[in-house]
Amino acid sequence: MLKKYALTAVLACLITSVSFCQKPGVIYSRADTLRGTLSDLRSSYDVQYYHLNIQLDIENKFISGSNLFKFKATTDLKRLQFDLFANLQIQKISYHGQELPFKREFNAVFLDFPSTIKKDSQDEFTVFYSGNPSIAVRPPWDGGFTFSKDTQGKPWVAVSCQGFGASSWWPNKDHQSDEVDSMLISITVPKGLMDVSNGRLRSIQNVDSDHTRFNWFVSYPINNYNVTLNVADYAHFDDSYAGENGNLTLDFYVLKENLEKAKKQFNANVKPMFNVFENWFGAYPFYRDGYKLIETPYLGMEHQSAVAYGNKYLNGYMGRDLSGTGLGLKWDYIIIHETGHEWFGNNITSKDIADMWIHEGFTMYSEALYVESRDGKDAGAKYIAGVRRNIQNDKPILGPYGVNTEGSGDMYYKGANLIHMTRTLIDDDQKWREILRGLNSEFGLKTTTTEDVVNFLNKKSGKDLTKLFDQYLRYANIPVLEFKTDGKQTHYRWKADVKNFDMPIRIKNGRKYQWIKPESEWKKIRLESVFTPDLENFYIKVQEL
């Protein structure tokens, strides 16, 4: 996106049709708005099915092929917008045997139909395209293709594009709010290599003497950024997990040189993880498509039913413990974290990337539940408290809406602490489990918003958590619990950005904990010992006046 400051921001809002100028001193260009806004030209149609069919020319880092859009008109329409990066060329757009005219603006494509498509009618068109897709400089954080090689010199190719955009490599309606109901992914690669994509392998076709096509079918709704390809001379092994919805297939694709290491590492982590996650979150959301773990030349990504793994068969995060407690070195971070996204991110998906804390906060919290399953509830709380050392408190967790922009990276560590505080405030683990499972039941296979999630938590917990989430999501600062001692009395209050912030908190009184409910005005309490808030379970500042 384009970022400028001061007077430039004001002028740009006036002269460039920028729809959103939400962050002080920062402007968003029309290109950002076209990418991030669910405009009338995008909301007028609901994509229900894609068939992505491409050939990969590895030597020239080139792709070519087509994507079929099957859609339902949500209103009468004669024009629509889809998305494809400008560095990829459109050869033609086919519609019922004829070529349609189109116009391009930045990475948006505007398609005109010969006559009005009526509301509720079903229709389709196919985009034929080719080009050299963007190459990722630092995947997966910097999106695009990764062209690598294994130790035998054979090609090893993968793609990651969250935030950057699925339209960086294939044409689609590139907005998180619209998930197709199902999808066929056909990837043609040089003979001797294998493609592993999302869903089930439906067939393998010999295209010609030099190429093989792998056809993968996704039978569940899938978000565009989750669609993937992974190409290598893979070794494959499998297993199964007896889960809540029956027998779940587990398929593993790794470089041949790492086969034995993979069997050991995956065996130690995958089934214990499913035991924990299915218990807390409900059945794995994609049983029909199965679960795959695929070795990639980058660290990892939560591609639906095709989780990318590049942690080099080490425990921790590339051998490090993000919490600094030692607890994170007992398990493989990428397996646990990226699979946690199958529930939060892939099953439950935010409509706008500005709400990505729903993906990352809950998923990082899932790590604590895994620690808890191994070492007890106190250890899980200790792990979450430990990751606070990575929090920056630099800007709000929520990003600006409508311009395809995330909020602060604190959505991970601070977001996880917010979820842990919510559990602590509810103070009923059976109810908490029902809430986590209820979230996946209520919002699973759908897209949602911060408002939806907070309203659900309020309703199911019986507590008004709105101010809590407003403070931690909408402001960079965390609340300060101020106190002062006057003889045997302790006075306390909250200092926070949210008006009338009144989060209850536990404090130690003698040998026991008790609940107090500070507000913006001073309250007082008589204590047997010094004022000691529960700082392991609450991420706050404490200040004595």
Protein backbone atom coordinates (compact mmCIF):
# COMPACT_ATOMS: atom_id res chain seq x y z
CA MET A 1 0.00 0.00 0.00
CA LEU A 2 1.02 3.61 -0.33
CA LYS A 3 1.76 5.42 2.92
CA LYS A 4 2.27 9.13 3.29
CA TYR A 5 1.79 11.53 6.14
CA ALA A 6 0.40 14.85 7.36
CA LEU A 7 -1.18 17.15 4.75
CA THR A 8 -0.59 14.65 1.97
CA ALA A 9 -3.05 12.29 3.65
CA VAL A 10 -5.81 14.90 3.72
CA LEU A 11 -5.29 15.87 0.09
CA ALA A 12 -5.25 12.28 -1.07
CA CYS A 13 -8.59 11.58 0.60
CA LEU A 14 -10.05 14.49 -1.31
CA ILE A 15 -8.71 13.81 -4.77
CA THR A 16 -8.20 10.06 -5.24
CA SER A 17 -11.54 8.47 -4.27
CA VAL A 18 -9.94 6.79 -1.27
CA SER A 19 -12.69 5.20 0.76
CA PHE A 20 -10.86 4.63 4.01
CA CYS A 21 -8.44 6.96 5.81
CA GLN A 22 -8.81 5.44 9.24
CA LYS A 23 -5.29 5.55 10.66
CA PRO A 24 -3.99 9.02 11.56
CA GLY A 25 -1.34 10.17 9.12
CA VAL A 26 -1.72 7.15 6.81
CA ILE A 27 -3.59 7.09 3.51
CA TYR A 28 -4.75 4.21 1.38
CA SER A 29 -4.73 4.38 -2.39
CA ARG A 30 -7.51 3.37 -4.76
CA ALA A 31 -5.57 0.16 -5.37
CA ASP A 32 -5.87 -0.66 -1.65
CA THR A 33 -9.58 0.08 -1.72
CA LEU A 34 -10.17 -2.04 -4.81
CA ARG A 35 -8.37 -4.92 -3.11
CA GLY A 36 -9.85 -4.61 0.37
CA THR A 37 -13.41 -3.34 -0.06
CA LEU A 38 -16.43 -5.51 -0.70
CA SER A 39 -17.80 -3.11 -3.31
CA ASP A 40 -21.06 -3.49 -5.23
CA LEU A 41 -19.13 -5.02 -8.12
CA ARG A 42 -17.92 -7.78 -5.78
CA SER A 43 -20.93 -8.27 -3.51
CA SER A 44 -23.20 -8.65 -6.55
CA TYR A 45 -22.05 -12.23 -7.06
CA ASP A 46 -21.33 -15.18 -4.79
CA VAL A 47 -18.66 -17.55 -6.10
CA GLN A 48 -19.70 -21.12 -5.39
CA TYR A 49 -17.10 -23.17 -7.26
CA TYR A 50 -13.67 -22.75 -8.85
CA HIS A 51 -11.73 -25.05 -11.13
CA LEU A 52 -8.14 -23.82 -11.10
CA ASN A 53 -6.20 -25.56 -13.88
CA ILE A 54 -2.59 -24.48 -14.37
CA GLN A 55 0.72 -25.78 -15.65
CA LEU A 56 3.95 -25.00 -13.86
CA ASP A 57 7.07 -24.25 -15.92
CA ILE A 58 9.64 -24.51 -13.15
CA GLU A 59 12.71 -23.69 -15.21
CA ASN A 60 11.25 -20.36 -16.33
CA LYS A 61 9.29 -19.74 -13.09
CA PHE A 62 6.19 -19.39 -15.24
CA ILE A 63 2.57 -20.46 -14.85
CA SER A 64 -0.21 -20.73 -17.42
CA GLY A 65 -3.75 -22.02 -17.43
CA SER A 66 -7.26 -21.04 -16.45
CA ASN A 67 -9.75 -20.66 -13.66
CA LEU A 68 -13.47 -21.38 -13.98
CA PHE A 69 -15.81 -19.21 -11.88
CA LYS A 70 -19.25 -20.64 -11.13
CA PHE A 71 -21.35 -18.07 -9.30
CA LYS A 72 -24.80 -17.02 -8.18
CA ALA A 73 -25.94 -13.45 -8.81
CA THR A 74 -27.00 -11.78 -5.55
CA THR A 75 -28.51 -8.88 -7.49
CA ASP A 76 -29.11 -8.02 -11.12
CA LEU A 77 -25.69 -7.40 -12.63
CA LYS A 78 -24.06 -6.64 -15.94
CA ARG A 79 -20.55 -5.96 -14.63
CA LEU A 80 -18.39 -7.44 -11.88
CA GLN A 81 -14.89 -7.25 -10.45
CA PHE A 82 -12.46 -10.11 -9.93
CA ASP A 83 -8.78 -9.87 -9.10
CA LEU A 84 -5.48 -10.82 -10.70
CA PHE A 85 -2.10 -9.16 -10.19
CA ALA A 86 -1.11 -6.87 -13.06
CA ASN A 87 2.11 -8.80 -13.77
CA LEU A 88 -0.01 -11.76 -14.94
CA GLN A 89 -1.50 -11.47 -18.42
CA ILE A 90 -5.08 -12.37 -19.32
CA GLN A 91 -5.27 -14.08 -22.72
CA LYS A 92 -9.06 -14.17 -22.81
CA ILE A 93 -12.22 -14.50 -20.74
CA SER A 94 -14.65 -17.07 -22.12
CA TYR A 95 -18.41 -16.83 -21.52
CA HIS A 96 -20.78 -19.30 -23.21
CA GLY A 97 -18.55 -19.64 -26.25
CA GLN A 98 -17.72 -15.98 -26.67
CA GLU A 99 -14.91 -13.74 -25.47
CA LEU A 100 -15.91 -10.95 -23.11
CA PRO A 101 -14.41 -7.45 -22.96
CA PHE A 102 -12.65 -6.46 -19.75
CA LYS A 103 -10.69 -3.60 -18.25
CA ARG A 104 -7.84 -3.67 -15.74
CA GLU A 105 -7.08 -1.17 -12.99
CA PHE A 106 -4.13 -1.97 -10.73
CA ASN A 107 -4.76 -5.62 -9.70
CA ALA A 108 -8.52 -5.47 -10.30
CA VAL A 109 -10.27 -6.73 -13.43
CA PHE A 110 -13.69 -5.42 -14.50
CA LEU A 111 -15.74 -7.80 -16.63
CA ASP A 112 -18.70 -6.73 -18.76
CA PHE A 113 -21.45 -9.19 -19.78
CA PRO A 114 -23.46 -8.89 -23.01
CA SER A 115 -26.77 -8.81 -21.10
CA THR A 116 -28.02 -8.50 -17.54
CA ILE A 117 -27.60 -11.54 -15.33
CA LYS A 118 -30.69 -11.72 -13.15
CA LYS A 119 -30.64 -12.01 -9.37
CA ASP A 120 -30.49 -15.60 -8.05
CA SER A 121 -29.46 -17.02 -11.42
CA GLN A 122 -26.42 -19.30 -11.80
CA ASP A 123 -23.75 -18.49 -14.33
CA GLU A 124 -20.07 -19.02 -15.10
CA PHE A 125 -17.05 -17.72 -16.98
CA THR A 126 -13.44 -18.86 -17.42
CA VAL A 127 -10.31 -16.72 -17.24
CA PHE A 128 -7.29 -17.85 -19.25
CA TYR A 129 -4.01 -16.32 -18.10
CA SER A 130 -0.24 -16.74 -17.82
CA GLY A 131 2.91 -15.07 -16.56
CA ASN A 132 5.71 -15.04 -14.03
CA PRO A 133 4.14 -14.86 -10.57
CA SER A 134 5.63 -12.86 -7.72
CA ILE A 135 8.60 -14.50 -5.99
CA ALA A 136 8.53 -14.44 -2.19
CA VAL A 137 11.60 -12.79 -0.68
CA ARG A 138 10.90 -13.94 2.88
CA PRO A 139 8.10 -16.50 2.86
CA PRO A 140 5.60 -16.96 4.34
CA TRP A 141 5.52 -13.36 5.65
CA ASP A 142 6.38 -11.99 2.22
CA GLY A 143 3.96 -13.65 -0.19
CA GLY A 144 4.57 -15.39 -3.48
CA PHE A 145 6.24 -18.45 -4.97
CA THR A 146 9.29 -20.18 -3.56
CA PHE A 147 11.44 -22.00 -6.12
CA SER A 148 13.94 -24.18 -4.29
CA LYS A 149 15.70 -27.53 -4.64
CA ASP A 150 16.18 -30.58 -2.44
CA THR A 151 19.63 -31.99 -1.64
CA GLN A 152 19.50 -34.08 -4.81
CA GLY A 153 19.05 -30.96 -6.92
CA LYS A 154 15.43 -31.72 -7.75
CA PRO A 155 12.87 -28.88 -7.87
CA TRP A 156 10.98 -28.03 -4.70
CA VAL A 157 8.29 -25.41 -5.28
CA ALA A 158 5.64 -23.94 -3.01
CA VAL A 159 3.43 -20.87 -2.66
CA SER A 160 2.25 -18.79 0.31
CA CYS A 161 0.09 -15.68 -0.05
CA GLN A 162 -1.87 -14.79 3.09
CA GLY A 163 -2.39 -11.03 3.16
CA PHE A 164 -0.40 -10.61 -0.04
CA GLY A 165 -3.26 -12.08 -2.05
CA ALA A 166 -4.25 -15.29 -3.79
CA SER A 167 -4.68 -13.11 -6.88
CA SER A 168 -0.88 -12.91 -6.95
CA TRP A 169 -0.98 -16.29 -8.73
CA TRP A 170 -4.53 -17.10 -9.81
CA PRO A 171 -7.67 -15.12 -10.78
CA ASN A 172 -10.41 -15.04 -8.14
CA LYS A 173 -12.61 -12.75 -6.09
CA ASP A 174 -9.82 -11.96 -3.66
CA HIS A 175 -11.79 -10.97 -0.58
CA GLN A 176 -11.97 -13.07 2.59
CA SER A 177 -15.73 -12.69 2.90
CA ASP A 178 -16.43 -15.01 -0.04
CA GLU A 179 -15.47 -18.66 0.32
CA VAL A 180 -16.39 -21.07 -2.46
CA ASP A 181 -18.42 -24.12 -1.48
CA SER A 182 -16.00 -26.50 -3.24
CA MET A 183 -13.08 -26.42 -5.63
CA LEU A 184 -11.09 -28.52 -8.07
CA ILE A 185 -7.35 -27.80 -8.20
CA SER A 186 -5.52 -29.22 -11.23
CA ILE A 187 -1.77 -28.71 -11.26
CA THR A 188 0.40 -29.95 -14.14
CA VAL A 189 4.07 -30.50 -13.33
CA PRO A 190 7.11 -32.12 -14.98
CA LYS A 191 7.15 -35.92 -14.82
CA GLY A 192 8.97 -37.30 -11.80
CA LEU A 193 7.53 -34.62 -9.53
CA MET A 194 4.35 -34.63 -7.46
CA ASP A 195 1.92 -31.84 -6.63
CA VAL A 196 0.16 -31.85 -3.27
CA SER A 197 -2.73 -29.41 -2.92
CA ASN A 198 -5.82 -29.07 -0.72
CA GLY A 199 -8.50 -31.72 -0.38
CA ARG A 200 -8.47 -35.27 -1.74
CA LEU A 201 -6.43 -36.50 -4.66
CA ARG A 202 -9.10 -37.33 -7.22
CA SER A 203 -6.90 -38.48 -10.10
CA ILE A 204 -3.46 -38.38 -11.71
CA GLN A 205 -3.32 -37.87 -15.49
CA ASN A 206 -0.51 -38.28 -17.96
CA VAL A 207 -0.81 -35.08 -19.98
CA ASP A 208 2.02 -35.94 -22.37
CA SER A 209 5.38 -37.65 -22.27
CA ASP A 210 6.84 -34.90 -20.12
CA HIS A 211 4.02 -33.78 -17.81
CA THR A 212 1.65 -35.14 -15.16
CA ARG A 213 -1.52 -33.48 -13.88
CA PHE A 214 -2.65 -33.91 -10.27
CA ASN A 215 -6.35 -33.23 -9.62
CA TRP A 216 -7.28 -32.37 -6.03
CA PHE A 217 -10.89 -31.82 -4.96
CA VAL A 218 -11.86 -29.68 -1.97
CA SER A 219 -15.32 -30.62 -0.71
CA TYR A 220 -15.65 -27.88 1.96
CA PRO A 221 -15.75 -24.09 1.77
CA ILE A 222 -12.20 -22.77 1.43
CA ASN A 223 -10.72 -19.30 1.59
CA ASN A 224 -8.61 -18.10 -1.33
CA TYR A 225 -5.38 -17.64 0.63
CA ASN A 226 -5.58 -21.25 1.78
CA VAL A 227 -5.45 -22.62 -1.76
CA THR A 228 -1.99 -24.02 -2.39
CA LEU A 229 0.37 -26.11 -4.45
CA ASN A 230 3.46 -27.99 -3.27
CA VAL A 231 5.69 -29.59 -5.89
CA ALA A 232 8.62 -31.91 -5.19
CA ASP A 233 9.83 -35.49 -5.46
CA TYR A 234 7.95 -36.30 -2.28
CA ALA A 235 7.92 -39.43 -0.17
CA HIS A 236 4.48 -40.25 1.20
CA PHE A 237 3.38 -42.12 4.30
CA ASP A 238 0.04 -42.24 6.04
CA ASP A 239 -1.79 -43.04 9.25
CA SER A 240 -5.25 -42.52 10.70
CA TYR A 241 -6.79 -40.98 13.78
CA ALA A 242 -9.90 -42.31 15.52
CA GLY A 243 -11.61 -39.00 16.21
CA GLU A 244 -15.02 -37.60 17.05
CA ASN A 245 -16.37 -38.02 13.53
CA GLY A 246 -14.80 -41.41 12.90
CA ASN A 247 -11.64 -42.34 11.12
CA LEU A 248 -9.61 -39.31 9.97
CA THR A 249 -6.96 -39.98 7.34
CA LEU A 250 -3.51 -38.53 8.03
CA ASP A 251 -1.23 -38.11 5.02
CA PHE A 252 2.33 -36.88 5.18
CA TYR A 253 4.44 -35.66 2.25
CA VAL A 254 8.11 -35.01 2.93
CA LEU A 255 11.40 -34.89 1.08
CA LYS A 256 12.77 -38.40 0.69
CA GLU A 257 15.93 -37.51 2.58
CA ASN A 258 13.83 -36.61 5.64
CA LEU A 259 11.48 -39.58 5.70
CA GLU A 260 12.72 -41.20 8.92
CA LYS A 261 12.97 -37.90 10.80
CA ALA A 262 9.46 -37.03 9.67
CA LYS A 263 7.99 -40.33 10.86
CA LYS A 264 9.48 -39.81 14.32
CA GLN A 265 8.50 -36.14 14.67
CA PHE A 266 5.01 -36.43 13.25
CA ASN A 267 4.22 -39.52 15.30
CA ALA A 268 5.23 -37.70 18.50
CA ASN A 269 3.07 -34.64 17.82
CA VAL A 270 0.11 -35.19 15.50
CA LYS A 271 -2.21 -37.61 17.31
CA PRO A 272 -1.65 -36.08 20.78
CA MET A 273 -2.48 -32.73 19.23
CA PHE A 274 -5.74 -34.00 17.74
CA ASN A 275 -6.71 -35.43 21.13
CA VAL A 276 -6.40 -31.94 22.63
CA PHE A 277 -7.92 -29.89 19.84
CA GLU A 278 -10.93 -32.12 19.23
CA ASN A 279 -11.62 -32.14 22.96
CA TRP A 280 -11.58 -28.35 23.26
CA PHE A 281 -12.74 -27.18 19.81
CA GLY A 282 -14.87 -30.01 18.46
CA ALA A 283 -14.33 -32.44 15.62
CA TYR A 284 -11.70 -31.66 12.99
CA PRO A 285 -13.63 -29.49 10.52
CA PHE A 286 -12.55 -31.21 7.28
CA TYR A 287 -12.97 -34.97 7.77
CA ARG A 288 -14.02 -35.66 4.18
CA ASP A 289 -10.88 -34.01 2.85
CA GLY A 290 -8.57 -35.51 5.46
CA TYR A 291 -5.51 -33.99 7.10
CA LYS A 292 -2.18 -33.52 5.35
CA LEU A 293 1.17 -32.26 6.59
CA ILE A 294 3.50 -31.24 3.76
CA GLU A 295 7.17 -30.33 3.97
CA THR A 296 7.82 -26.90 2.44
CA PRO A 297 10.91 -24.75 1.82
CA TYR A 298 9.50 -22.07 4.14
CA LEU A 299 8.57 -22.24 7.83
CA GLY A 300 4.85 -22.99 7.70
CA MET A 301 1.33 -21.98 6.75
CA GLU A 302 -2.19 -23.09 7.65
CA HIS A 303 -3.30 -24.17 4.18
CA GLN A 304 -6.62 -25.95 4.69
CA SER A 305 -6.27 -29.76 4.86
CA ALA A 306 -2.74 -29.29 3.47
CA VAL A 307 -0.74 -27.74 6.31
CA ALA A 308 2.70 -26.45 5.28
CA TYR A 309 5.56 -27.60 7.50
CA GLY A 310 9.13 -26.30 7.45
CA ASN A 311 10.29 -26.44 11.08
CA LYS A 312 13.17 -28.79 10.22
CA TYR A 313 11.87 -31.52 12.57
CA LEU A 314 12.81 -29.50 15.64
CA ASN A 315 10.84 -28.88 18.80
CA GLY A 316 9.96 -25.30 19.58
CA TYR A 317 9.93 -22.57 16.94
CA MET A 318 12.98 -23.55 14.88
CA GLY A 319 14.49 -24.84 18.13
CA ARG A 320 13.53 -21.76 20.19
CA ASP A 321 10.90 -21.32 22.89
CA LEU A 322 8.79 -18.23 22.21
CA SER A 323 7.61 -18.19 25.83
CA GLY A 324 11.05 -18.35 27.45
CA THR A 325 9.67 -20.86 29.96
CA GLY A 326 11.11 -24.07 28.54
CA LEU A 327 7.57 -25.37 28.02
CA GLY A 328 7.66 -24.58 24.31
CA LEU A 329 10.61 -26.90 23.71
CA LYS A 330 8.61 -30.04 24.41
CA TRP A 331 6.66 -30.02 21.12
CA ASP A 332 6.91 -28.93 17.50
CA TYR A 333 5.57 -25.38 17.29
CA ILE A 334 4.69 -25.38 13.59
CA ILE A 335 2.70 -28.62 13.73
CA ILE A 336 0.67 -27.40 16.70
CA HIS A 337 0.19 -23.77 15.69
CA GLU A 338 -0.56 -24.24 12.00
CA THR A 339 -2.94 -27.13 12.67
CA GLY A 340 -4.71 -25.02 15.31
CA HIS A 341 -5.63 -22.77 12.41
CA GLU A 342 -7.75 -25.54 10.93
CA TRP A 343 -10.30 -24.51 13.57
CA PHE A 344 -9.47 -20.80 13.87
CA GLY A 345 -8.70 -19.31 10.48
CA ASN A 346 -9.83 -22.09 8.14
CA ASN A 347 -13.06 -23.21 9.81
CA ILE A 348 -13.79 -19.80 11.36
CA THR A 349 -12.58 -17.05 9.00
CA SER A 350 -12.72 -13.28 9.44
CA LYS A 351 -14.54 -11.41 6.68
CA ASP A 352 -11.86 -8.69 6.69
CA ILE A 353 -8.16 -9.16 7.31
CA ALA A 354 -8.43 -6.31 9.85
CA ASP A 355 -10.06 -8.89 12.18
CA MET A 356 -7.25 -11.40 11.83
CA TRP A 357 -6.85 -11.62 15.62
CA ILE A 358 -9.72 -14.12 15.41
CA HIS A 359 -7.30 -16.41 13.54
CA GLU A 360 -4.09 -15.69 15.40
CA GLY A 361 -5.21 -14.95 18.97
CA PHE A 362 -7.27 -18.12 19.33
CA THR A 363 -4.66 -20.21 17.55
CA MET A 364 -1.79 -19.05 19.75
CA TYR A 365 -4.06 -19.72 22.73
CA SER A 366 -4.49 -23.27 21.40
CA GLU A 367 -0.77 -23.75 22.07
CA ALA A 368 -1.44 -23.11 25.77
CA LEU A 369 -4.16 -25.75 25.76
CA TYR A 370 -1.66 -28.19 24.29
CA VAL A 371 0.87 -27.29 27.02
CA GLU A 372 -1.91 -27.70 29.59
CA SER A 373 -2.66 -31.18 28.30
CA ARG A 374 0.98 -32.18 28.79
CA ASP A 375 1.97 -30.37 31.97
CA GLY A 376 -1.17 -29.13 33.70
CA LYS A 377 -3.32 -26.01 33.81
CA ASP A 378 -0.76 -23.89 35.65
CA ALA A 379 1.81 -24.68 32.96
CA GLY A 380 -0.59 -23.52 30.24
CA ALA A 381 -1.07 -20.22 32.07
CA LYS A 382 2.68 -19.89 32.53
CA TYR A 383 3.24 -20.40 28.80
CA ILE A 384 0.74 -17.67 27.87
CA ALA A 385 2.28 -15.31 30.42
CA GLY A 386 5.69 -16.11 28.96
CA VAL A 387 4.84 -15.08 25.41
CA ARG A 388 4.04 -11.55 26.67
CA ARG A 389 7.70 -10.72 26.30
CA ASN A 390 7.05 -10.54 22.54
CA ILE A 391 4.25 -7.96 22.82
CA GLN A 392 5.03 -4.52 21.41
CA ASN A 393 1.86 -2.57 22.28
CA ASP A 394 2.70 -0.47 19.21
CA LYS A 395 -0.76 -0.04 17.71
CA PRO A 396 -4.26 -1.57 17.96
CA ILE A 397 -4.72 -5.24 17.17
CA LEU A 398 -7.63 -4.37 14.87
CA GLY A 399 -6.55 -3.06 11.50
CA PRO A 400 -8.34 -0.51 9.31
CA TYR A 401 -11.28 -2.05 7.48
CA GLY A 402 -11.74 -2.18 3.74
CA VAL A 403 -8.12 -1.79 2.61
CA ASN A 404 -6.70 -5.31 3.12
CA THR A 405 -4.51 -4.27 6.05
CA GLU A 406 -3.77 -6.14 9.25
CA GLY A 407 -3.50 -4.56 12.67
CA SER A 408 -0.59 -5.00 15.05
CA GLY A 409 1.41 -8.24 15.14
CA ASP A 410 0.35 -8.27 18.79
CA MET A 411 -2.69 -10.16 17.49
CA TYR A 412 -0.65 -13.30 18.29
CA TYR A 413 0.77 -12.82 21.77
CA LYS A 414 -1.56 -10.14 23.11
CA GLY A 415 -4.51 -11.82 21.41
CA ALA A 416 -3.70 -15.12 23.13
CA ASN A 417 -3.49 -13.36 26.48
CA LEU A 418 -6.85 -11.72 25.81
CA ILE A 419 -8.41 -15.14 25.19
CA HIS A 420 -6.76 -16.55 28.31
CA MET A 421 -8.11 -13.64 30.40
CA THR A 422 -11.56 -14.35 28.99
CA ARG A 423 -11.32 -17.93 30.21
CA THR A 424 -10.11 -16.71 33.62
CA LEU A 425 -13.03 -14.27 33.91
CA ILE A 426 -15.57 -16.94 32.97
CA ASP A 427 -14.00 -19.10 35.69
CA ASP A 428 -15.75 -22.28 34.61
CA ASP A 429 -13.72 -24.65 32.46
CA GLN A 430 -16.69 -26.76 31.41
CA LYS A 431 -18.50 -23.66 30.18
CA TRP A 432 -15.29 -22.46 28.50
CA ARG A 433 -14.99 -25.72 26.61
CA GLU A 434 -18.62 -25.43 25.52
CA ILE A 435 -17.93 -21.87 24.30
CA LEU A 436 -14.88 -22.87 22.25
CA ARG A 437 -16.75 -25.76 20.69
CA GLY A 438 -19.78 -23.51 20.21
CA LEU A 439 -17.71 -20.95 18.33
CA ASN A 440 -16.68 -23.63 15.84
CA SER A 441 -20.24 -24.88 15.56
CA GLU A 442 -21.79 -21.42 15.18
CA PHE A 443 -19.21 -19.85 12.87
CA GLY A 444 -17.62 -22.92 11.31
CA LEU A 445 -17.36 -23.04 7.50
CA LYS A 446 -18.37 -19.35 7.51
CA THR A 447 -16.84 -15.92 7.59
CA THR A 448 -17.40 -13.65 10.58
CA THR A 449 -16.48 -10.41 12.35
CA THR A 450 -15.12 -9.19 15.68
CA GLU A 451 -18.61 -8.02 16.62
CA ASP A 452 -20.09 -11.46 15.94
CA VAL A 453 -17.46 -13.23 18.04
CA VAL A 454 -17.68 -10.83 21.01
CA ASN A 455 -21.50 -10.97 20.98
CA PHE A 456 -21.31 -14.77 21.02
CA LEU A 457 -18.89 -14.75 23.96
CA ASN A 458 -21.13 -12.34 25.85
CA LYS A 459 -24.23 -14.44 25.27
CA LYS A 460 -22.71 -17.81 26.10
CA SER A 461 -20.67 -16.66 29.10
CA GLY A 462 -23.44 -14.61 30.64
CA LYS A 463 -20.93 -11.78 31.10
CA ASP A 464 -20.52 -8.48 29.27
CA LEU A 465 -16.99 -8.73 27.89
CA THR A 466 -17.37 -5.85 25.41
CA LYS A 467 -15.21 -3.36 27.30
CA LEU A 468 -12.49 -5.97 27.78
CA PHE A 469 -12.28 -6.68 24.04
CA ASP A 470 -12.56 -3.00 23.14
CA GLN A 471 -9.58 -2.12 25.33
CA TYR A 472 -7.30 -4.90 24.15
CA LEU A 473 -8.31 -4.85 20.47
CA ARG A 474 -8.94 -1.19 19.73
CA TYR A 475 -6.17 0.47 21.73
CA ALA A 476 -2.43 -0.07 21.90
CA ASN A 477 -2.25 0.47 25.66
CA ILE A 478 -3.16 -2.11 28.26
CA PRO A 479 -5.15 -1.04 31.33
CA VAL A 480 -3.34 0.13 34.45
CA LEU A 481 -4.52 -1.00 37.86
CA GLU A 482 -3.65 1.87 40.18
CA PHE A 483 -3.61 1.42 43.94
CA LYS A 484 -2.59 3.25 47.09
CA THR A 485 -2.51 2.21 50.72
CA ASP A 486 -4.04 4.23 53.52
CA GLY A 487 -3.41 2.50 56.82
CA LYS A 488 -5.21 -0.84 56.65
CA GLN A 489 -7.24 0.19 53.62
CA THR A 490 -6.16 -0.31 49.99
CA HIS A 491 -7.70 1.96 47.37
CA TYR A 492 -7.78 0.82 43.74
CA ARG A 493 -9.11 1.84 40.32
CA TRP A 494 -8.64 1.25 36.59
CA LYS A 495 -6.94 3.70 34.27
CA ALA A 496 -7.84 2.72 30.71
CA ASP A 497 -8.76 4.09 27.28
CA VAL A 498 -12.24 2.56 27.35
CA LYS A 499 -14.67 4.72 29.24
CA ASN A 500 -15.87 3.18 32.52
CA PHE A 501 -13.59 0.16 32.10
CA ASP A 502 -14.54 -2.27 34.88
CA MET A 503 -12.88 -5.64 34.31
CA PRO A 504 -12.98 -7.85 37.41
CA ILE A 505 -9.63 -9.22 38.55
CA ARG A 506 -8.33 -11.68 41.11
CA ILE A 507 -6.08 -10.51 43.90
CA LYS A 508 -4.37 -12.43 46.66
CA ASN A 509 -5.73 -11.87 50.15
CA GLY A 510 -3.72 -13.83 52.65
CA ARG A 511 -3.30 -17.34 51.24
CA LYS A 512 -6.36 -17.18 49.03
CA TYR A 513 -7.41 -15.36 45.89
CA GLN A 514 -10.56 -13.27 45.80
CA TRP A 515 -12.30 -11.29 43.04
CA ILE A 516 -12.59 -7.52 43.04
CA LYS A 517 -14.18 -5.26 40.41
CA PRO A 518 -12.21 -2.06 40.00
CA GLU A 519 -13.84 0.82 38.12
CA SER A 520 -12.67 4.22 36.95
CA GLU A 521 -13.48 5.69 40.36
CA TRP A 522 -11.63 4.72 43.52
CA LYS A 523 -12.82 1.73 45.53
CA LYS A 524 -11.33 0.35 48.72
CA ILE A 525 -10.75 -2.99 50.41
CA ARG A 526 -9.25 -4.23 53.66
CA LEU A 527 -6.51 -6.81 53.01
CA GLU A 528 -4.55 -9.19 55.18
CA SER A 529 -1.42 -8.70 53.09
CA VAL A 530 0.03 -6.45 50.39
CA PHE A 531 -2.03 -5.73 47.27
CA THR A 532 -1.11 -8.62 44.91
CA PRO A 533 -3.07 -8.96 41.65
CA ASP A 534 -2.99 -12.26 39.74
CA LEU A 535 -0.47 -11.25 37.09
CA GLU A 536 -0.01 -14.73 35.69
CA ASN A 537 -3.58 -14.84 34.41
CA PHE A 538 -4.13 -11.12 33.71
CA TYR A 539 -2.05 -9.07 31.31
CA ILE A 540 -2.18 -5.61 32.92
CA LYS A 541 0.07 -2.96 34.39
CA VAL A 542 0.04 -2.31 38.14
CA GLN A 543 1.05 1.07 39.52
CA GLU A 544 1.31 2.11 43.15
CA LEU A 545 0.57 5.79 43.76
